[in-house]
Amino acid sequence: MEVILEGETISYVVRRSTRARYVRMTIGVREGLVVTVPSYGGTHLVESFLREKATWILKHLRRMKKFDGKKVLNVTQEEYEKNKNAFLNAIVARIEFFNSLYQFSYKKISIRNQTSLWGSCTRAGNLQFNYKLSHLSAEAIDYVIVHELCHLKEHNHGPRFWKLVAKTIPNYKAIRKSLHGYVMQEG
């Protein structure tokens, strides 16, 4: 269905629910604008609701446009819990391989199911990696591992940091750019 809000034609999907008591809406990367209405609610109710919320809808739809053309990575909590230890073992093996070249000191390594970061390195020397990396290429995983390892030496993204990364991942710029083609969602 479509509605015109502030001169812009907006597509939306209506879902009727016997459990819904109020009109509500969600905006998602995959499904766009979805309006859930009580089973007795008519089209006039939906359009009135959308016009009332037009500013909010347009603001959030514009934000969602930055996700156009990107691949959505959505991992369920069940998949994460089932596979995180195996992925942690694989990450540890790659860290040991690359760190044999760098010889940096680190403490704890952990896996998380995050929605914004591929990895992180704390000042205390702890390395954290996003489980969603497991859905990417080995080359991308290696880049993120090396990126975080290099933060053990350089806690910034200055020229010395990138020189360290380039030591083992010479094509890091292309890999880094490819990672911008993904959107991470909660499962």
C-alpha atoms as a PDB file:
ATOM      1  CA  MET A   1       0.000   0.000   0.000  1.00  0.00           C
ATOM      2  CA  GLU A   2       1.058   3.611  -0.403  1.00  0.00           C
ATOM      3  CA  VAL A   3       0.389   6.922   1.291  1.00  0.00           C
ATOM      4  CA  ILE A   4       1.604  10.444   0.516  1.00  0.00           C
ATOM      5  CA  LEU A   5       3.333  12.079   3.481  1.00  0.00           C
ATOM      6  CA  GLU A   6       4.602  15.639   3.144  1.00  0.00           C
ATOM      7  CA  GLY A   7       4.649  15.262  -0.645  1.00  0.00           C
ATOM      8  CA  GLU A   8       6.551  11.959  -0.586  1.00  0.00           C
ATOM      9  CA  THR A   9       5.006   8.647  -1.629  1.00  0.00           C
ATOM     10  CA  ILE A  10       5.673   6.056   1.048  1.00  0.00           C
ATOM     11  CA  SER A  11       5.090   2.315   0.646  1.00  0.00           C
ATOM     12  CA  TYR A  12       3.982   0.320   3.638  1.00  0.00           C
ATOM     13  CA  VAL A  13       2.623  -3.074   4.629  1.00  0.00           C
ATOM     14  CA  VAL A  14      -0.429  -3.558   6.844  1.00  0.00           C
ATOM     15  CA  ARG A  15      -0.598  -6.496   9.203  1.00  0.00           C
ATOM     16  CA  ARG A  16      -3.830  -7.238  10.986  1.00  0.00           C
ATOM     17  CA  SER A  17      -3.666  -8.823  14.407  1.00  0.00           C
ATOM     18  CA  THR A  18      -6.379 -10.149  16.671  1.00  0.00           C
ATOM     19  CA  ARG A  19      -4.058  -9.459  19.602  1.00  0.00           C
ATOM     20  CA  ALA A  20      -3.319  -5.823  18.715  1.00  0.00           C
ATOM     21  CA  ARG A  21      -5.239  -3.244  20.711  1.00  0.00           C
ATOM     22  CA  TYR A  22      -3.568  -0.203  19.176  1.00  0.00           C
ATOM     23  CA  VAL A  23      -2.058   0.790  15.855  1.00  0.00           C
ATOM     24  CA  ARG A  24       1.702   0.479  15.905  1.00  0.00           C
ATOM     25  CA  MET A  25       4.485   0.588  13.348  1.00  0.00           C
ATOM     26  CA  THR A  26       8.011  -0.589  12.805  1.00  0.00           C
ATOM     27  CA  ILE A  27      10.628   0.312  10.244  1.00  0.00           C
ATOM     28  CA  GLY A  28      13.142  -2.382   9.386  1.00  0.00           C
ATOM     29  CA  VAL A  29      15.983  -2.786   6.914  1.00  0.00           C
ATOM     30  CA  ARG A  30      14.331  -5.695   5.125  1.00  0.00           C
ATOM     31  CA  GLU A  31      10.613  -5.043   5.432  1.00  0.00           C
ATOM     32  CA  GLY A  32      10.475  -1.233   5.436  1.00  0.00           C
ATOM     33  CA  LEU A  33       7.442   0.408   7.060  1.00  0.00           C
ATOM     34  CA  VAL A  34       5.066  -2.101   8.638  1.00  0.00           C
ATOM     35  CA  VAL A  35       1.841  -0.995  10.324  1.00  0.00           C
ATOM     36  CA  THR A  36       0.130  -3.440  12.668  1.00  0.00           C
ATOM     37  CA  VAL A  37      -3.550  -2.754  13.321  1.00  0.00           C
ATOM     38  CA  PRO A  38      -6.288  -4.421  15.322  1.00  0.00           C
ATOM     39  CA  SER A  39      -8.311  -6.791  13.150  1.00  0.00           C
ATOM     40  CA  TYR A  40     -11.280  -4.391  13.261  1.00  0.00           C
ATOM     41  CA  GLY A  41      -9.229  -1.363  12.094  1.00  0.00           C
ATOM     42  CA  GLY A  42      -9.981   0.051   8.659  1.00  0.00           C
ATOM     43  CA  THR A  43      -7.821   1.760   6.036  1.00  0.00           C
ATOM     44  CA  HIS A  44      -8.871   5.223   7.260  1.00  0.00           C
ATOM     45  CA  LEU A  45      -7.446   4.390  10.701  1.00  0.00           C
ATOM     46  CA  VAL A  46      -4.078   3.418   9.180  1.00  0.00           C
ATOM     47  CA  GLU A  47      -3.786   6.467   6.932  1.00  0.00           C
ATOM     48  CA  SER A  48      -4.806   8.817   9.744  1.00  0.00           C
ATOM     49  CA  PHE A  49      -2.170   7.241  11.993  1.00  0.00           C
ATOM     50  CA  LEU A  50       0.512   7.538   9.309  1.00  0.00           C
ATOM     51  CA  ARG A  51      -0.279  11.197   8.626  1.00  0.00           C
ATOM     52  CA  GLU A  52      -0.124  11.926  12.353  1.00  0.00           C
ATOM     53  CA  LYS A  53       3.330  10.307  12.550  1.00  0.00           C
ATOM     54  CA  ALA A  54       4.586  11.627   9.183  1.00  0.00           C
ATOM     55  CA  THR A  55       7.575  13.578  10.536  1.00  0.00           C
ATOM     56  CA  TRP A  56       8.828  10.622  12.562  1.00  0.00           C
ATOM     57  CA  ILE A  57       8.297   8.181   9.692  1.00  0.00           C
ATOM     58  CA  LEU A  58      10.117  10.329   7.128  1.00  0.00           C
ATOM     59  CA  LYS A  59      13.016  10.959   9.505  1.00  0.00           C
ATOM     60  CA  HIS A  60      13.518   7.241  10.140  1.00  0.00           C
ATOM     61  CA  LEU A  61      13.014   6.188   6.521  1.00  0.00           C
ATOM     62  CA  ARG A  62      15.717   8.672   5.486  1.00  0.00           C
ATOM     63  CA  ARG A  63      18.032   7.116   8.073  1.00  0.00           C
ATOM     64  CA  MET A  64      17.275   3.665   6.662  1.00  0.00           C
ATOM     65  CA  LYS A  65      18.318   4.738   3.150  1.00  0.00           C
ATOM     66  CA  LYS A  66      21.938   4.495   4.231  1.00  0.00           C
ATOM     67  CA  PHE A  67      21.338   0.723   4.346  1.00  0.00           C
ATOM     68  CA  ASP A  68      20.199   0.514   0.702  1.00  0.00           C
ATOM     69  CA  GLY A  69      22.159  -2.089  -1.231  1.00  0.00           C
ATOM     70  CA  LYS A  70      23.837  -3.461   1.875  1.00  0.00           C
ATOM     71  CA  LYS A  71      23.764  -7.071   3.014  1.00  0.00           C
ATOM     72  CA  VAL A  72      21.929  -7.645   6.278  1.00  0.00           C
ATOM     73  CA  LEU A  73      23.630  -9.920   8.807  1.00  0.00           C
ATOM     74  CA  ASN A  74      21.073 -11.219  11.253  1.00  0.00           C
ATOM     75  CA  VAL A  75      22.132 -13.958  13.657  1.00  0.00           C
ATOM     76  CA  THR A  76      19.709 -15.552  16.080  1.00  0.00           C
ATOM     77  CA  GLN A  77      20.638 -15.892  19.732  1.00  0.00           C
ATOM     78  CA  GLU A  78      20.256 -19.661  19.325  1.00  0.00           C
ATOM     79  CA  GLU A  79      22.815 -19.797  16.487  1.00  0.00           C
ATOM     80  CA  TYR A  80      25.173 -17.558  18.452  1.00  0.00           C
ATOM     81  CA  GLU A  81      24.987 -19.687  21.600  1.00  0.00           C
ATOM     82  CA  LYS A  82      25.393 -22.913  19.622  1.00  0.00           C
ATOM     83  CA  ASN A  83      28.448 -21.812  17.596  1.00  0.00           C
ATOM     84  CA  LYS A  84      30.277 -19.110  19.561  1.00  0.00           C
ATOM     85  CA  ASN A  85      32.788 -21.473  21.225  1.00  0.00           C
ATOM     86  CA  ALA A  86      33.799 -23.051  17.920  1.00  0.00           C
ATOM     87  CA  PHE A  87      34.170 -19.582  16.402  1.00  0.00           C
ATOM     88  CA  LEU A  88      36.204 -18.442  19.419  1.00  0.00           C
ATOM     89  CA  ASN A  89      38.594 -21.373  18.871  1.00  0.00           C
ATOM     90  CA  ALA A  90      38.977 -20.419  15.201  1.00  0.00           C
ATOM     91  CA  ILE A  91      39.626 -16.770  16.133  1.00  0.00           C
ATOM     92  CA  VAL A  92      42.203 -17.747  18.758  1.00  0.00           C
ATOM     93  CA  ALA A  93      44.061 -19.855  16.178  1.00  0.00           C
ATOM     94  CA  ARG A  94      44.191 -16.932  13.720  1.00  0.00           C
ATOM     95  CA  ILE A  95      45.265 -14.506  16.477  1.00  0.00           C
ATOM     96  CA  GLU A  96      48.092 -16.849  17.425  1.00  0.00           C
ATOM     97  CA  PHE A  97      49.158 -17.076  13.789  1.00  0.00           C
ATOM     98  CA  PHE A  98      49.209 -13.310  13.202  1.00  0.00           C
ATOM     99  CA  ASN A  99      50.628 -12.516  16.611  1.00  0.00           C
ATOM    100  CA  SER A 100      53.586 -14.806  15.868  1.00  0.00           C
ATOM    101  CA  LEU A 101      54.461 -12.077  13.343  1.00  0.00           C
ATOM    102  CA  TYR A 102      53.687  -9.105  15.602  1.00  0.00           C
ATOM    103  CA  GLN A 103      54.641 -10.381  19.072  1.00  0.00           C
ATOM    104  CA  PHE A 104      52.113  -8.181  20.930  1.00  0.00           C
ATOM    105  CA  SER A 105      50.864  -8.913  24.415  1.00  0.00           C
ATOM    106  CA  TYR A 106      47.125  -9.394  24.918  1.00  0.00           C
ATOM    107  CA  LYS A 107      44.917 -10.715  27.693  1.00  0.00           C
ATOM    108  CA  LYS A 108      41.396 -12.008  27.181  1.00  0.00           C
ATOM    109  CA  ILE A 109      39.739 -12.889  23.856  1.00  0.00           C
ATOM    110  CA  SER A 110      35.946 -12.953  23.667  1.00  0.00           C
ATOM    111  CA  ILE A 111      33.151 -13.341  21.131  1.00  0.00           C
ATOM    112  CA  ARG A 112      29.989 -11.232  21.247  1.00  0.00           C
ATOM    113  CA  ASN A 113      26.874 -10.934  19.101  1.00  0.00           C
ATOM    114  CA  GLN A 114      27.051  -7.178  18.496  1.00  0.00           C
ATOM    115  CA  THR A 115      25.164  -4.843  16.189  1.00  0.00           C
ATOM    116  CA  SER A 116      27.741  -2.157  15.508  1.00  0.00           C
ATOM    117  CA  LEU A 117      31.383  -3.257  15.828  1.00  0.00           C
ATOM    118  CA  TRP A 118      33.286  -6.022  14.060  1.00  0.00           C
ATOM    119  CA  GLY A 119      35.835  -6.060  16.834  1.00  0.00           C
ATOM    120  CA  SER A 120      37.411  -3.988  19.570  1.00  0.00           C
ATOM    121  CA  CYS A 121      40.560  -3.759  21.651  1.00  0.00           C
ATOM    122  CA  THR A 122      40.503  -2.357  25.166  1.00  0.00           C
ATOM    123  CA  ARG A 123      43.340  -0.390  26.751  1.00  0.00           C
ATOM    124  CA  ALA A 124      43.733  -3.340  29.146  1.00  0.00           C
ATOM    125  CA  GLY A 125      44.618  -5.561  26.160  1.00  0.00           C
ATOM    126  CA  ASN A 126      41.358  -7.492  25.839  1.00  0.00           C
ATOM    127  CA  LEU A 127      40.260  -8.387  22.305  1.00  0.00           C
ATOM    128  CA  GLN A 128      36.578  -8.742  21.417  1.00  0.00           C
ATOM    129  CA  PHE A 129      35.188  -9.996  18.119  1.00  0.00           C
ATOM    130  CA  ASN A 130      31.698  -9.979  16.683  1.00  0.00           C
ATOM    131  CA  TYR A 131      30.215 -13.426  16.066  1.00  0.00           C
ATOM    132  CA  LYS A 132      28.715 -12.083  12.811  1.00  0.00           C
ATOM    133  CA  LEU A 133      32.251 -12.190  11.388  1.00  0.00           C
ATOM    134  CA  SER A 134      31.695 -15.931  11.064  1.00  0.00           C
ATOM    135  CA  HIS A 135      29.421 -15.155   8.093  1.00  0.00           C
ATOM    136  CA  LEU A 136      32.163 -13.279   6.226  1.00  0.00           C
ATOM    137  CA  SER A 137      35.144 -14.361   4.162  1.00  0.00           C
ATOM    138  CA  ALA A 138      38.356 -15.621   5.789  1.00  0.00           C
ATOM    139  CA  GLU A 139      40.076 -12.551   4.319  1.00  0.00           C
ATOM    140  CA  ALA A 140      37.653 -10.195   6.104  1.00  0.00           C
ATOM    141  CA  ILE A 141      38.019 -12.099   9.378  1.00  0.00           C
ATOM    142  CA  ASP A 142      41.817 -11.933   9.133  1.00  0.00           C
ATOM    143  CA  TYR A 143      41.648  -8.186   8.484  1.00  0.00           C
ATOM    144  CA  VAL A 144      39.526  -7.570  11.590  1.00  0.00           C
ATOM    145  CA  ILE A 145      41.832  -9.745  13.703  1.00  0.00           C
ATOM    146  CA  VAL A 146      44.933  -7.904  12.497  1.00  0.00           C
ATOM    147  CA  HIS A 147      43.170  -4.545  12.915  1.00  0.00           C
ATOM    148  CA  GLU A 148      42.433  -5.287  16.578  1.00  0.00           C
ATOM    149  CA  LEU A 149      45.879  -6.798  17.198  1.00  0.00           C
ATOM    150  CA  CYS A 150      47.497  -3.617  15.861  1.00  0.00           C
ATOM    151  CA  HIS A 151      45.449  -1.573  18.331  1.00  0.00           C
ATOM    152  CA  LEU A 152      47.468  -3.284  21.074  1.00  0.00           C
ATOM    153  CA  LYS A 153      50.440  -1.227  19.844  1.00  0.00           C
ATOM    154  CA  GLU A 154      48.671   1.844  18.392  1.00  0.00           C
ATOM    155  CA  HIS A 155      45.387   2.875  20.046  1.00  0.00           C
ATOM    156  CA  ASN A 156      44.398   5.106  17.129  1.00  0.00           C
ATOM    157  CA  HIS A 157      43.995   5.046  13.360  1.00  0.00           C
ATOM    158  CA  GLY A 158      47.069   7.092  12.547  1.00  0.00           C
ATOM    159  CA  PRO A 159      49.699   6.381   9.875  1.00  0.00           C
ATOM    160  CA  ARG A 160      51.750   4.127  12.194  1.00  0.00           C
ATOM    161  CA  PHE A 161      48.661   2.016  12.892  1.00  0.00           C
ATOM    162  CA  TRP A 162      47.876   1.507   9.195  1.00  0.00           C
ATOM    163  CA  LYS A 163      51.527   0.690   8.495  1.00  0.00           C
ATOM    164  CA  LEU A 164      51.297  -2.091  11.097  1.00  0.00           C
ATOM    165  CA  VAL A 165      48.102  -3.443   9.496  1.00  0.00           C
ATOM    166  CA  ALA A 166      49.657  -3.322   6.012  1.00  0.00           C
ATOM    167  CA  LYS A 167      52.555  -5.463   7.240  1.00  0.00           C
ATOM    168  CA  THR A 168      50.330  -8.577   7.040  1.00  0.00           C
ATOM    169  CA  ILE A 169      47.215  -7.341   5.189  1.00  0.00           C
ATOM    170  CA  PRO A 170      48.538  -5.238   2.288  1.00  0.00           C
ATOM    171  CA  ASN A 171      45.086  -4.965   0.660  1.00  0.00           C
ATOM    172  CA  TYR A 172      43.441  -3.797   3.906  1.00  0.00           C
ATOM    173  CA  LYS A 173      41.820  -0.769   2.234  1.00  0.00           C
ATOM    174  CA  ALA A 174      39.731  -2.898  -0.129  1.00  0.00           C
ATOM    175  CA  ILE A 175      38.722  -5.304   2.635  1.00  0.00           C
ATOM    176  CA  ARG A 176      37.858  -2.447   4.968  1.00  0.00           C
ATOM    177  CA  LYS A 177      35.692  -0.880   2.270  1.00  0.00           C
ATOM    178  CA  SER A 178      33.890  -4.194   1.676  1.00  0.00           C
ATOM    179  CA  LEU A 179      32.907  -4.326   5.362  1.00  0.00           C
ATOM    180  CA  HIS A 180      30.912  -1.123   4.861  1.00  0.00           C
ATOM    181  CA  GLY A 181      28.578  -3.174   2.636  1.00  0.00           C
ATOM    182  CA  TYR A 182      27.017  -4.923   5.651  1.00  0.00           C
ATOM    183  CA  VAL A 183      24.363  -4.011   8.170  1.00  0.00           C
ATOM    184  CA  MET A 184      24.291  -5.878  11.466  1.00  0.00           C
ATOM    185  CA  GLN A 185      20.934  -6.553  13.108  1.00  0.00           C
ATOM    186  CA  GLU A 186      19.913  -8.166  16.335  1.00  0.00           C
ATOM    187  CA  GLY A 187      18.618 -11.680  15.915  1.00  0.00           C
END
